[in-house]
PDB file of N, CA and C in Angstrom:
ATOM      1  N   MET A   1     -21.926 -10.853  16.898  1.00  0.00           N
ATOM      2  CA  MET A   1     -20.814 -10.616  16.006  1.00  0.00           C
ATOM      3  C   MET A   1     -21.323 -10.526  14.567  1.00  0.00           C
ATOM      4  N   VAL A   2     -20.818  -9.562  13.830  1.00  0.00           N
ATOM      5  CA  VAL A   2     -21.143  -9.412  12.423  1.00  0.00           C
ATOM      6  C   VAL A   2     -20.141 -10.221  11.603  1.00  0.00           C
ATOM      7  N   ARG A   3     -20.637 -11.075  10.722  1.00  0.00           N
ATOM      8  CA  ARG A   3     -19.741 -11.872   9.864  1.00  0.00           C
ATOM      9  C   ARG A   3     -19.261 -11.014   8.701  1.00  0.00           C
ATOM     10  N   THR A   4     -17.953 -10.990   8.489  1.00  0.00           N
ATOM     11  CA  THR A   4     -17.381 -10.206   7.394  1.00  0.00           C
ATOM     12  C   THR A   4     -16.274 -11.015   6.722  1.00  0.00           C
ATOM     13  N   TYR A   5     -15.707 -10.468   5.683  1.00  0.00           N
ATOM     14  CA  TYR A   5     -14.507 -11.032   5.063  1.00  0.00           C
ATOM     15  C   TYR A   5     -13.251 -10.434   5.689  1.00  0.00           C
ATOM     16  N   GLY A   6     -13.390  -9.683   6.756  1.00  0.00           N
ATOM     17  CA  GLY A   6     -12.256  -9.020   7.386  1.00  0.00           C
ATOM     18  C   GLY A   6     -12.076  -7.629   6.812  1.00  0.00           C
ATOM     19  N   LEU A   7     -11.022  -6.977   7.209  1.00  0.00           N
ATOM     20  CA  LEU A   7     -10.722  -5.646   6.707  1.00  0.00           C
ATOM     21  C   LEU A   7     -10.276  -5.768   5.255  1.00  0.00           C
ATOM     22  N   THR A   8     -11.053  -5.190   4.347  1.00  0.00           N
ATOM     23  CA  THR A   8     -10.776  -5.390   2.922  1.00  0.00           C
ATOM     24  C   THR A   8     -10.697  -4.112   2.121  1.00  0.00           C
ATOM     25  N   HIS A   9     -10.829  -2.944   2.759  1.00  0.00           N
ATOM     26  CA  HIS A   9     -10.912  -1.713   1.983  1.00  0.00           C
ATOM     27  C   HIS A   9     -10.195  -0.586   2.702  1.00  0.00           C
ATOM     28  N   ILE A  10      -9.459   0.204   1.936  1.00  0.00           N
ATOM     29  CA  ILE A  10      -8.854   1.415   2.452  1.00  0.00           C
ATOM     30  C   ILE A  10      -9.020   2.495   1.391  1.00  0.00           C
ATOM     31  N   ASN A  11      -9.355   3.698   1.828  1.00  0.00           N
ATOM     32  CA  ASN A  11      -9.511   4.837   0.931  1.00  0.00           C
ATOM     33  C   ASN A  11      -8.387   5.819   1.264  1.00  0.00           C
ATOM     34  N   LEU A  12      -7.482   6.036   0.326  1.00  0.00           N
ATOM     35  CA  LEU A  12      -6.362   6.939   0.539  1.00  0.00           C
ATOM     36  C   LEU A  12      -6.620   8.266  -0.153  1.00  0.00           C
ATOM     37  N   VAL A  13      -6.532   9.339   0.600  1.00  0.00           N
ATOM     38  CA  VAL A  13      -6.619  10.673   0.014  1.00  0.00           C
ATOM     39  C   VAL A  13      -5.238  10.961  -0.567  1.00  0.00           C
ATOM     40  N   VAL A  14      -5.188  11.233  -1.862  1.00  0.00           N
ATOM     41  CA  VAL A  14      -3.922  11.415  -2.568  1.00  0.00           C
ATOM     42  C   VAL A  14      -3.914  12.741  -3.315  1.00  0.00           C
ATOM     43  N   ARG A  15      -2.730  13.193  -3.675  1.00  0.00           N
ATOM     44  CA  ARG A  15      -2.594  14.432  -4.432  1.00  0.00           C
ATOM     45  C   ARG A  15      -2.823  14.214  -5.928  1.00  0.00           C
ATOM     46  N   ASP A  16      -2.489  13.012  -6.414  1.00  0.00           N
ATOM     47  CA  ASP A  16      -2.546  12.722  -7.844  1.00  0.00           C
ATOM     48  C   ASP A  16      -2.907  11.249  -8.016  1.00  0.00           C
ATOM     49  N   VAL A  17      -4.133  10.968  -8.438  1.00  0.00           N
ATOM     50  CA  VAL A  17      -4.576   9.571  -8.539  1.00  0.00           C
ATOM     51  C   VAL A  17      -3.726   8.784  -9.533  1.00  0.00           C
ATOM     52  N   GLU A  18      -3.305   9.402 -10.613  1.00  0.00           N
ATOM     53  CA  GLU A  18      -2.506   8.670 -11.609  1.00  0.00           C
ATOM     54  C   GLU A  18      -1.145   8.280 -11.038  1.00  0.00           C
ATOM     55  N   ARG A  19      -0.517   9.183 -10.301  1.00  0.00           N
ATOM     56  CA  ARG A  19       0.777   8.869  -9.672  1.00  0.00           C
ATOM     57  C   ARG A  19       0.619   7.735  -8.665  1.00  0.00           C
ATOM     58  N   SER A  20      -0.424   7.790  -7.837  1.00  0.00           N
ATOM     59  CA  SER A  20      -0.655   6.733  -6.859  1.00  0.00           C
ATOM     60  C   SER A  20      -0.955   5.409  -7.545  1.00  0.00           C
ATOM     61  N   LEU A  21      -1.756   5.446  -8.600  1.00  0.00           N
ATOM     62  CA  LEU A  21      -2.059   4.231  -9.346  1.00  0.00           C
ATOM     63  C   LEU A  21      -0.782   3.617  -9.904  1.00  0.00           C
ATOM     64  N   ARG A  22       0.085   4.424 -10.498  1.00  0.00           N
ATOM     65  CA  ARG A  22       1.351   3.909 -11.035  1.00  0.00           C
ATOM     66  C   ARG A  22       2.197   3.267  -9.939  1.00  0.00           C
ATOM     67  N   PHE A  23       2.324   3.939  -8.797  1.00  0.00           N
ATOM     68  CA  PHE A  23       3.139   3.424  -7.698  1.00  0.00           C
ATOM     69  C   PHE A  23       2.611   2.085  -7.197  1.00  0.00           C
ATOM     70  N   TYR A  24       1.334   2.023  -6.839  1.00  0.00           N
ATOM     71  CA  TYR A  24       0.767   0.797  -6.273  1.00  0.00           C
ATOM     72  C   TYR A  24       0.655  -0.311  -7.320  1.00  0.00           C
ATOM     73  N   ARG A  25       0.507   0.040  -8.571  1.00  0.00           N
ATOM     74  CA  ARG A  25       0.505  -0.966  -9.647  1.00  0.00           C
ATOM     75  C   ARG A  25       1.903  -1.564  -9.779  1.00  0.00           C
ATOM     76  N   GLN A  26       2.929  -0.716  -9.812  1.00  0.00           N
ATOM     77  CA  GLN A  26       4.301  -1.202  -9.980  1.00  0.00           C
ATOM     78  C   GLN A  26       4.761  -2.025  -8.786  1.00  0.00           C
ATOM     79  N   VAL A  27       4.481  -1.566  -7.573  1.00  0.00           N
ATOM     80  CA  VAL A  27       4.985  -2.238  -6.382  1.00  0.00           C
ATOM     81  C   VAL A  27       4.128  -3.431  -5.980  1.00  0.00           C
ATOM     82  N   PHE A  28       2.807  -3.282  -5.966  1.00  0.00           N
ATOM     83  CA  PHE A  28       1.933  -4.322  -5.435  1.00  0.00           C
ATOM     84  C   PHE A  28       1.025  -4.968  -6.475  1.00  0.00           C
ATOM     85  N   GLY A  29       1.090  -4.514  -7.715  1.00  0.00           N
ATOM     86  CA  GLY A  29       0.305  -5.130  -8.780  1.00  0.00           C
ATOM     87  C   GLY A  29      -1.180  -4.823  -8.738  1.00  0.00           C
ATOM     88  N   VAL A  30      -1.585  -3.703  -8.125  1.00  0.00           N
ATOM     89  CA  VAL A  30      -3.016  -3.410  -8.068  1.00  0.00           C
ATOM     90  C   VAL A  30      -3.580  -3.283  -9.481  1.00  0.00           C
ATOM     91  N   GLU A  31      -4.845  -3.638  -9.600  1.00  0.00           N
ATOM     92  CA  GLU A  31      -5.544  -3.600 -10.889  1.00  0.00           C
ATOM     93  C   GLU A  31      -6.749  -2.681 -10.764  1.00  0.00           C
ATOM     94  N   GLU A  32      -6.843  -1.719 -11.651  1.00  0.00           N
ATOM     95  CA  GLU A  32      -7.977  -0.800 -11.636  1.00  0.00           C
ATOM     96  C   GLU A  32      -9.243  -1.538 -12.059  1.00  0.00           C
ATOM     97  N   TYR A  33     -10.346  -1.271 -11.351  1.00  0.00           N
ATOM     98  CA  TYR A  33     -11.619  -1.872 -11.754  1.00  0.00           C
ATOM     99  C   TYR A  33     -12.746  -0.857 -11.821  1.00  0.00           C
ATOM    100  N   GLY A  34     -12.476   0.380 -11.463  1.00  0.00           N
ATOM    101  CA  GLY A  34     -13.519   1.392 -11.548  1.00  0.00           C
ATOM    102  C   GLY A  34     -12.941   2.771 -11.372  1.00  0.00           C
ATOM    103  N   ARG A  35     -13.645   3.746 -11.945  1.00  0.00           N
ATOM    104  CA  ARG A  35     -13.150   5.117 -11.882  1.00  0.00           C
ATOM    105  C   ARG A  35     -14.332   6.069 -11.977  1.00  0.00           C
ATOM    106  N   THR A  36     -14.299   7.097 -11.140  1.00  0.00           N
ATOM    107  CA  THR A  36     -15.231   8.208 -11.230  1.00  0.00           C
ATOM    108  C   THR A  36     -14.400   9.476 -11.085  1.00  0.00           C
ATOM    109  N   GLU A  37     -15.034  10.621 -11.114  1.00  0.00           N
ATOM    110  CA  GLU A  37     -14.323  11.895 -11.008  1.00  0.00           C
ATOM    111  C   GLU A  37     -13.433  11.937  -9.772  1.00  0.00           C
ATOM    112  N   GLY A  38     -12.108  11.940  -9.956  1.00  0.00           N
ATOM    113  CA  GLY A  38     -11.168  12.053  -8.848  1.00  0.00           C
ATOM    114  C   GLY A  38     -10.985  10.815  -8.004  1.00  0.00           C
ATOM    115  N   LEU A  39     -11.587   9.694  -8.386  1.00  0.00           N
ATOM    116  CA  LEU A  39     -11.465   8.434  -7.639  1.00  0.00           C
ATOM    117  C   LEU A  39     -11.056   7.311  -8.578  1.00  0.00           C
ATOM    118  N   VAL A  40     -10.127   6.478  -8.117  1.00  0.00           N
ATOM    119  CA  VAL A  40      -9.762   5.267  -8.856  1.00  0.00           C
ATOM    120  C   VAL A  40      -9.859   4.107  -7.870  1.00  0.00           C
ATOM    121  N   HIS A  41     -10.614   3.080  -8.227  1.00  0.00           N
ATOM    122  CA  HIS A  41     -10.805   1.904  -7.384  1.00  0.00           C
ATOM    123  C   HIS A  41      -9.925   0.778  -7.920  1.00  0.00           C
ATOM    124  N   THR A  42      -9.162   0.152  -7.021  1.00  0.00           N
ATOM    125  CA  THR A  42      -8.256  -0.927  -7.426  1.00  0.00           C
ATOM    126  C   THR A  42      -8.418  -2.137  -6.522  1.00  0.00           C
ATOM    127  N   ARG A  43      -7.967  -3.274  -7.025  1.00  0.00           N
ATOM    128  CA  ARG A  43      -7.908  -4.521  -6.249  1.00  0.00           C
ATOM    129  C   ARG A  43      -6.482  -5.031  -6.263  1.00  0.00           C
ATOM    130  N   THR A  44      -6.107  -5.729  -5.204  1.00  0.00           N
ATOM    131  CA  THR A  44      -4.817  -6.403  -5.222  1.00  0.00           C
ATOM    132  C   THR A  44      -5.024  -7.780  -5.851  1.00  0.00           C
ATOM    133  N   PRO A  45      -4.067  -8.241  -6.649  1.00  0.00           N
ATOM    134  CA  PRO A  45      -4.255  -9.496  -7.387  1.00  0.00           C
ATOM    135  C   PRO A  45      -4.466 -10.700  -6.465  1.00  0.00           C
ATOM    136  N   GLY A  46      -5.440 -11.504  -6.814  1.00  0.00           N
ATOM    137  CA  GLY A  46      -5.698 -12.743  -6.092  1.00  0.00           C
ATOM    138  C   GLY A  46      -6.339 -12.563  -4.722  1.00  0.00           C
ATOM    139  N   CYS A  47      -6.757 -11.358  -4.379  1.00  0.00           N
ATOM    140  CA  CYS A  47      -7.338 -11.074  -3.065  1.00  0.00           C
ATOM    141  C   CYS A  47      -8.640 -10.313  -3.238  1.00  0.00           C
ATOM    142  N   GLN A  48      -9.302 -10.070  -2.122  1.00  0.00           N
ATOM    143  CA  GLN A  48     -10.514  -9.256  -2.145  1.00  0.00           C
ATOM    144  C   GLN A  48     -10.238  -7.855  -1.612  1.00  0.00           C
ATOM    145  N   ASP A  49      -8.954  -7.492  -1.487  1.00  0.00           N
ATOM    146  CA  ASP A  49      -8.582  -6.184  -0.959  1.00  0.00           C
ATOM    147  C   ASP A  49      -8.866  -5.093  -1.972  1.00  0.00           C
ATOM    148  N   VAL A  50      -9.341  -3.963  -1.491  1.00  0.00           N
ATOM    149  CA  VAL A  50      -9.648  -2.817  -2.350  1.00  0.00           C
ATOM    150  C   VAL A  50      -8.904  -1.599  -1.811  1.00  0.00           C
ATOM    151  N   ILE A  51      -8.259  -0.864  -2.705  1.00  0.00           N
ATOM    152  CA  ILE A  51      -7.665   0.432  -2.369  1.00  0.00           C
ATOM    153  C   ILE A  51      -8.285   1.447  -3.307  1.00  0.00           C
ATOM    154  N   THR A  52      -8.847   2.498  -2.739  1.00  0.00           N
ATOM    155  CA  THR A  52      -9.394   3.588  -3.535  1.00  0.00           C
ATOM    156  C   THR A  52      -8.476   4.790  -3.370  1.00  0.00           C
ATOM    157  N   PHE A  53      -8.083   5.387  -4.487  1.00  0.00           N
ATOM    158  CA  PHE A  53      -7.277   6.601  -4.479  1.00  0.00           C
ATOM    159  C   PHE A  53      -8.225   7.770  -4.717  1.00  0.00           C
ATOM    160  N   ASP A  54      -8.228   8.708  -3.785  1.00  0.00           N
ATOM    161  CA  ASP A  54      -9.209   9.787  -3.766  1.00  0.00           C
ATOM    162  C   ASP A  54      -8.504  11.133  -3.763  1.00  0.00           C
ATOM    163  N   GLU A  55      -8.580  11.866  -4.862  1.00  0.00           N
ATOM    164  CA  GLU A  55      -7.955  13.182  -4.888  1.00  0.00           C
ATOM    165  C   GLU A  55      -8.960  14.308  -4.669  1.00  0.00           C
ATOM    166  N   GLN A  56     -10.185  13.962  -4.285  1.00  0.00           N
ATOM    167  CA  GLN A  56     -11.211  14.980  -4.042  1.00  0.00           C
ATOM    168  C   GLN A  56     -11.201  15.484  -2.602  1.00  0.00           C
ATOM    169  N   ALA A  57     -10.915  14.614  -1.657  1.00  0.00           N
ATOM    170  CA  ALA A  57     -10.937  14.993  -0.244  1.00  0.00           C
ATOM    171  C   ALA A  57      -9.636  15.707   0.123  1.00  0.00           C
ATOM    172  N   SER A  58      -9.662  16.440   1.215  1.00  0.00           N
ATOM    173  CA  SER A  58      -8.453  17.118   1.671  1.00  0.00           C
ATOM    174  C   SER A  58      -7.685  16.212   2.627  1.00  0.00           C
ATOM    175  N   GLY A  59      -6.418  16.534   2.843  1.00  0.00           N
ATOM    176  CA  GLY A  59      -5.621  15.804   3.829  1.00  0.00           C
ATOM    177  C   GLY A  59      -4.719  14.739   3.249  1.00  0.00           C
ATOM    178  N   ALA A  60      -4.324  14.840   1.991  1.00  0.00           N
ATOM    179  CA  ALA A  60      -3.447  13.833   1.385  1.00  0.00           C
ATOM    180  C   ALA A  60      -2.188  13.661   2.221  1.00  0.00           C
ATOM    181  N   GLY A  61      -1.847  12.410   2.496  1.00  0.00           N
ATOM    182  CA  GLY A  61      -0.649  12.087   3.245  1.00  0.00           C
ATOM    183  C   GLY A  61      -0.791  12.157   4.750  1.00  0.00           C
ATOM    184  N   GLU A  62      -1.928  12.611   5.249  1.00  0.00           N
ATOM    185  CA  GLU A  62      -2.152  12.689   6.693  1.00  0.00           C
ATOM    186  C   GLU A  62      -2.709  11.364   7.198  1.00  0.00           C
ATOM    187  N   SER A  63      -2.108  10.824   8.233  1.00  0.00           N
ATOM    188  CA  SER A  63      -2.556   9.538   8.749  1.00  0.00           C
ATOM    189  C   SER A  63      -3.791   9.639   9.621  1.00  0.00           C
ATOM    190  N   ARG A  64      -3.989  10.757  10.282  1.00  0.00           N
ATOM    191  CA  ARG A  64      -5.174  10.981  11.118  1.00  0.00           C
ATOM    192  C   ARG A  64      -5.440   9.844  12.102  1.00  0.00           C
ATOM    193  N   GLY A  65      -4.396   9.395  12.773  1.00  0.00           N
ATOM    194  CA  GLY A  65      -4.552   8.376  13.802  1.00  0.00           C
ATOM    195  C   GLY A  65      -4.195   6.967  13.365  1.00  0.00           C
ATOM    196  N   ILE A  66      -3.998   6.742  12.100  1.00  0.00           N
ATOM    197  CA  ILE A  66      -3.575   5.422  11.617  1.00  0.00           C
ATOM    198  C   ILE A  66      -2.081   5.504  11.342  1.00  0.00           C
ATOM    199  N   ALA A  67      -1.295   4.699  12.033  1.00  0.00           N
ATOM    200  CA  ALA A  67       0.159   4.775  11.904  1.00  0.00           C
ATOM    201  C   ALA A  67       0.645   4.238  10.559  1.00  0.00           C
ATOM    202  N   HIS A  68       0.072   3.118  10.119  1.00  0.00           N
ATOM    203  CA  HIS A  68       0.470   2.526   8.846  1.00  0.00           C
ATOM    204  C   HIS A  68      -0.527   1.447   8.461  1.00  0.00           C
ATOM    205  N   PHE A  69      -0.401   0.936   7.237  1.00  0.00           N
ATOM    206  CA  PHE A  69      -1.113  -0.258   6.800  1.00  0.00           C
ATOM    207  C   PHE A  69      -0.091  -1.144   6.129  1.00  0.00           C
ATOM    208  N   GLY A  70      -0.413  -2.432   5.938  1.00  0.00           N
ATOM    209  CA  GLY A  70       0.625  -3.349   5.491  1.00  0.00           C
ATOM    210  C   GLY A  70       0.212  -4.325   4.413  1.00  0.00           C
ATOM    211  N   PHE A  71       1.247  -4.824   3.738  1.00  0.00           N
ATOM    212  CA  PHE A  71       1.126  -5.888   2.752  1.00  0.00           C
ATOM    213  C   PHE A  71       2.015  -7.028   3.212  1.00  0.00           C
ATOM    214  N   ARG A  72       1.444  -8.232   3.321  1.00  0.00           N
ATOM    215  CA  ARG A  72       2.190  -9.402   3.776  1.00  0.00           C
ATOM    216  C   ARG A  72       2.820 -10.114   2.583  1.00  0.00           C
ATOM    217  N   LEU A  73       4.122 -10.359   2.673  1.00  0.00           N
ATOM    218  CA  LEU A  73       4.843 -11.065   1.616  1.00  0.00           C
ATOM    219  C   LEU A  73       4.481 -12.549   1.609  1.00  0.00           C
ATOM    220  N   VAL A  74       4.580 -13.156   0.450  1.00  0.00           N
ATOM    221  CA  VAL A  74       4.379 -14.603   0.314  1.00  0.00           C
ATOM    222  C   VAL A  74       5.641 -15.340   0.761  1.00  0.00           C
ATOM    223  N   SER A  75       6.806 -14.740   0.520  1.00  0.00           N
ATOM    224  CA  SER A  75       8.084 -15.364   0.869  1.00  0.00           C
ATOM    225  C   SER A  75       8.990 -14.341   1.550  1.00  0.00           C
ATOM    226  N   PRO A  76       9.686 -14.748   2.626  1.00  0.00           N
ATOM    227  CA  PRO A  76      10.568 -13.803   3.308  1.00  0.00           C
ATOM    228  C   PRO A  76      11.726 -13.348   2.422  1.00  0.00           C
ATOM    229  N   GLY A  77      12.100 -14.155   1.461  1.00  0.00           N
ATOM    230  CA  GLY A  77      13.194 -13.822   0.567  1.00  0.00           C
ATOM    231  C   GLY A  77      12.871 -12.702  -0.405  1.00  0.00           C
ATOM    232  N   ASP A  78      11.621 -12.272  -0.443  1.00  0.00           N
ATOM    233  CA  ASP A  78      11.211 -11.217  -1.373  1.00  0.00           C
ATOM    234  C   ASP A  78      11.396  -9.808  -0.812  1.00  0.00           C
ATOM    235  N   ILE A  79      11.877  -9.674   0.415  1.00  0.00           N
ATOM    236  CA  ILE A  79      11.946  -8.360   1.042  1.00  0.00           C
ATOM    237  C   ILE A  79      12.883  -7.413   0.297  1.00  0.00           C
ATOM    238  N   ASP A  80      14.049  -7.889  -0.137  1.00  0.00           N
ATOM    239  CA  ASP A  80      14.989  -7.016  -0.853  1.00  0.00           C
ATOM    240  C   ASP A  80      14.397  -6.531  -2.166  1.00  0.00           C
ATOM    241  N   ALA A  81      13.767  -7.431  -2.908  1.00  0.00           N
ATOM    242  CA  ALA A  81      13.139  -7.052  -4.180  1.00  0.00           C
ATOM    243  C   ALA A  81      11.994  -6.069  -3.943  1.00  0.00           C
ATOM    244  N   ALA A  82      11.263  -6.241  -2.857  1.00  0.00           N
ATOM    245  CA  ALA A  82      10.159  -5.330  -2.545  1.00  0.00           C
ATOM    246  C   ALA A  82      10.683  -3.925  -2.274  1.00  0.00           C
ATOM    247  N   VAL A  83      11.737  -3.817  -1.499  1.00  0.00           N
ATOM    248  CA  VAL A  83      12.321  -2.507  -1.201  1.00  0.00           C
ATOM    249  C   VAL A  83      12.859  -1.866  -2.477  1.00  0.00           C
ATOM    250  N   ASP A  84      13.541  -2.655  -3.315  1.00  0.00           N
ATOM    251  CA  ASP A  84      14.043  -2.135  -4.594  1.00  0.00           C
ATOM    252  C   ASP A  84      12.900  -1.610  -5.455  1.00  0.00           C
ATOM    253  N   GLU A  85      11.801  -2.362  -5.506  1.00  0.00           N
ATOM    254  CA  GLU A  85      10.651  -1.960  -6.321  1.00  0.00           C
ATOM    255  C   GLU A  85      10.038  -0.667  -5.809  1.00  0.00           C
ATOM    256  N   VAL A  86       9.939  -0.538  -4.496  1.00  0.00           N
ATOM    257  CA  VAL A  86       9.413   0.685  -3.889  1.00  0.00           C
ATOM    258  C   VAL A  86      10.248   1.884  -4.325  1.00  0.00           C
ATOM    259  N   GLU A  87      11.558   1.760  -4.222  1.00  0.00           N
ATOM    260  CA  GLU A  87      12.436   2.876  -4.563  1.00  0.00           C
ATOM    261  C   GLU A  87      12.380   3.198  -6.057  1.00  0.00           C
ATOM    262  N   GLN A  88      12.308   2.180  -6.902  1.00  0.00           N
ATOM    263  CA  GLN A  88      12.196   2.410  -8.348  1.00  0.00           C
ATOM    264  C   GLN A  88      10.883   3.096  -8.709  1.00  0.00           C
ATOM    265  N   ALA A  89       9.839   2.837  -7.902  1.00  0.00           N
ATOM    266  CA  ALA A  89       8.515   3.403  -8.174  1.00  0.00           C
ATOM    267  C   ALA A  89       8.332   4.792  -7.571  1.00  0.00           C
ATOM    268  N   GLY A  90       9.344   5.306  -6.873  1.00  0.00           N
ATOM    269  CA  GLY A  90       9.242   6.647  -6.321  1.00  0.00           C
ATOM    270  C   GLY A  90       8.946   6.708  -4.841  1.00  0.00           C
ATOM    271  N   GLY A  91       8.942   5.562  -4.170  1.00  0.00           N
ATOM    272  CA  GLY A  91       8.745   5.539  -2.728  1.00  0.00           C
ATOM    273  C   GLY A  91      10.071   5.620  -2.010  1.00  0.00           C
ATOM    274  N   LYS A  92      10.037   5.561  -0.684  1.00  0.00           N
ATOM    275  CA  LYS A  92      11.246   5.717   0.109  1.00  0.00           C
ATOM    276  C   LYS A  92      11.259   4.708   1.250  1.00  0.00           C
ATOM    277  N   LEU A  93      12.399   4.056   1.461  1.00  0.00           N
ATOM    278  CA  LEU A  93      12.571   3.167   2.604  1.00  0.00           C
ATOM    279  C   LEU A  93      12.705   4.012   3.861  1.00  0.00           C
ATOM    280  N   LEU A  94      11.899   3.710   4.876  1.00  0.00           N
ATOM    281  CA  LEU A  94      11.967   4.417   6.151  1.00  0.00           C
ATOM    282  C   LEU A  94      12.821   3.651   7.155  1.00  0.00           C
ATOM    283  N   ARG A  95      12.590   2.343   7.255  1.00  0.00           N
ATOM    284  CA  ARG A  95      13.367   1.487   8.156  1.00  0.00           C
ATOM    285  C   ARG A  95      13.060   0.039   7.830  1.00  0.00           C
ATOM    286  N   ARG A  96      13.970  -0.845   8.210  1.00  0.00           N
ATOM    287  CA  ARG A  96      13.741  -2.271   7.982  1.00  0.00           C
ATOM    288  C   ARG A  96      14.483  -3.084   9.027  1.00  0.00           C
ATOM    289  N   GLY A  97      14.086  -4.341   9.145  1.00  0.00           N
ATOM    290  CA  GLY A  97      14.711  -5.234  10.111  1.00  0.00           C
ATOM    291  C   GLY A  97      14.011  -6.576  10.107  1.00  0.00           C
ATOM    292  N   GLU A  98      14.095  -7.272  11.234  1.00  0.00           N
ATOM    293  CA  GLU A  98      13.423  -8.563  11.394  1.00  0.00           C
ATOM    294  C   GLU A  98      12.711  -8.566  12.740  1.00  0.00           C
ATOM    295  N   PHE A  99      11.487  -9.095  12.750  1.00  0.00           N
ATOM    296  CA  PHE A  99      10.773  -9.279  14.011  1.00  0.00           C
ATOM    297  C   PHE A  99      11.491 -10.339  14.837  1.00  0.00           C
ATOM    298  N   SER A 100      11.936 -11.373  14.152  1.00  0.00           N
ATOM    299  CA  SER A 100      12.780 -12.437  14.685  1.00  0.00           C
ATOM    300  C   SER A 100      13.445 -13.063  13.462  1.00  0.00           C
ATOM    301  N   PRO A 101      14.451 -13.913  13.631  1.00  0.00           N
ATOM    302  CA  PRO A 101      15.149 -14.457  12.467  1.00  0.00           C
ATOM    303  C   PRO A 101      14.190 -15.092  11.450  1.00  0.00           C
ATOM    304  N   GLY A 102      14.309 -14.653  10.196  1.00  0.00           N
ATOM    305  CA  GLY A 102      13.475 -15.191   9.127  1.00  0.00           C
ATOM    306  C   GLY A 102      12.147 -14.482   8.937  1.00  0.00           C
ATOM    307  N   TYR A 103      11.878 -13.443   9.718  1.00  0.00           N
ATOM    308  CA  TYR A 103      10.623 -12.703   9.635  1.00  0.00           C
ATOM    309  C   TYR A 103      10.917 -11.212   9.378  1.00  0.00           C
ATOM    310  N   PRO A 104      11.268 -10.880   8.120  1.00  0.00           N
ATOM    311  CA  PRO A 104      11.680  -9.514   7.814  1.00  0.00           C
ATOM    312  C   PRO A 104      10.511  -8.542   7.666  1.00  0.00           C
ATOM    313  N   TYR A 105      10.834  -7.279   7.822  1.00  0.00           N
ATOM    314  CA  TYR A 105       9.867  -6.216   7.567  1.00  0.00           C
ATOM    315  C   TYR A 105      10.597  -5.014   6.989  1.00  0.00           C
ATOM    316  N   ALA A 106       9.850  -4.182   6.294  1.00  0.00           N
ATOM    317  CA  ALA A 106      10.344  -2.883   5.830  1.00  0.00           C
ATOM    318  C   ALA A 106       9.182  -1.910   5.898  1.00  0.00           C
ATOM    319  N   TYR A 107       9.436  -0.752   6.432  1.00  0.00           N
ATOM    320  CA  TYR A 107       8.456   0.321   6.420  1.00  0.00           C
ATOM    321  C   TYR A 107       8.891   1.296   5.334  1.00  0.00           C
ATOM    322  N   ILE A 108       7.955   1.626   4.462  1.00  0.00           N
ATOM    323  CA  ILE A 108       8.256   2.513   3.345  1.00  0.00           C
ATOM    324  C   ILE A 108       7.256   3.672   3.352  1.00  0.00           C
ATOM    325  N   ALA A 109       7.585   4.713   2.620  1.00  0.00           N
ATOM    326  CA  ALA A 109       6.655   5.825   2.413  1.00  0.00           C
ATOM    327  C   ALA A 109       6.266   5.831   0.949  1.00  0.00           C
ATOM    328  N   ASP A 110       4.969   5.920   0.675  1.00  0.00           N
ATOM    329  CA  ASP A 110       4.501   6.024  -0.709  1.00  0.00           C
ATOM    330  C   ASP A 110       4.686   7.471  -1.179  1.00  0.00           C
ATOM    331  N   PRO A 111       4.367   7.788  -2.427  1.00  0.00           N
ATOM    332  CA  PRO A 111       4.603   9.145  -2.928  1.00  0.00           C
ATOM    333  C   PRO A 111       3.866  10.258  -2.171  1.00  0.00           C
ATOM    334  N   ASP A 112       2.786   9.947  -1.474  1.00  0.00           N
ATOM    335  CA  ASP A 112       2.085  10.953  -0.679  1.00  0.00           C
ATOM    336  C   ASP A 112       2.580  10.991   0.763  1.00  0.00           C
ATOM    337  N   GLY A 113       3.464  10.062   1.126  1.00  0.00           N
ATOM    338  CA  GLY A 113       4.001  10.036   2.480  1.00  0.00           C
ATOM    339  C   GLY A 113       3.319   9.054   3.416  1.00  0.00           C
ATOM    340  N   TYR A 114       2.360   8.272   2.917  1.00  0.00           N
ATOM    341  CA  TYR A 114       1.738   7.259   3.772  1.00  0.00           C
ATOM    342  C   TYR A 114       2.761   6.187   4.119  1.00  0.00           C
ATOM    343  N   GLU A 115       2.751   5.748   5.359  1.00  0.00           N
ATOM    344  CA  GLU A 115       3.660   4.698   5.797  1.00  0.00           C
ATOM    345  C   GLU A 115       3.015   3.344   5.535  1.00  0.00           C
ATOM    346  N   VAL A 116       3.736   2.499   4.830  1.00  0.00           N
ATOM    347  CA  VAL A 116       3.262   1.171   4.453  1.00  0.00           C
ATOM    348  C   VAL A 116       4.278   0.143   4.956  1.00  0.00           C
ATOM    349  N   GLU A 117       3.790  -0.889   5.610  1.00  0.00           N
ATOM    350  CA  GLU A 117       4.658  -1.968   6.069  1.00  0.00           C
ATOM    351  C   GLU A 117       4.594  -3.115   5.064  1.00  0.00           C
ATOM    352  N   ILE A 118       5.748  -3.603   4.690  1.00  0.00           N
ATOM    353  CA  ILE A 118       5.866  -4.807   3.867  1.00  0.00           C
ATOM    354  C   ILE A 118       6.542  -5.822   4.776  1.00  0.00           C
ATOM    355  N   TRP A 119       5.905  -6.961   4.998  1.00  0.00           N
ATOM    356  CA  TRP A 119       6.407  -7.879   6.016  1.00  0.00           C
ATOM    357  C   TRP A 119       6.087  -9.327   5.682  1.00  0.00           C
ATOM    358  N   TYR A 120       6.752 -10.220   6.384  1.00  0.00           N
ATOM    359  CA  TYR A 120       6.499 -11.649   6.235  1.00  0.00           C
ATOM    360  C   TYR A 120       6.229 -12.238   7.606  1.00  0.00           C
ATOM    361  N   GLU A 121       5.239 -13.119   7.658  1.00  0.00           N
ATOM    362  CA  GLU A 121       4.922 -13.862   8.876  1.00  0.00           C
ATOM    363  C   GLU A 121       4.510 -15.247   8.495  1.00  0.00           C
TER     364      GLU A 121
END
C-alpha cells in the first residue's frame, strides 16, 4: 500500500479561469496560490485540497466518467445557505434531499456544468 494524504487534487477543464475562480471562491472560499498561462491553482481553506482551473485543455464541462465530486459541510444546518450561495454565484441547483433524517445533500452545477455534491455526514 502506498501511504498518501488521500485524494487531494482535482484539475477542472474550464472555459474561463477567472469565472471559475470567482464561483469557487464565493461558494467554497478557495484561495489562489499559483498561476501560470491558462491555469489557476487554488486551495480550500483549512485543508490540503487543491483545485486547478485549466482553460488550456479541451472538454470543459465534460465529466468523462466521473459523475460528480463533493464538498462535505461542517454543519447540516448550512445546506440552505450553501444552495443560496451557489445560486448567487451563478451555479444551479440540480436536486436536493436527505440521505436519512439530519443528513442533507444538494447536487449543484457549477458555471461549466460540472456536478458538485454539497453534503453532510
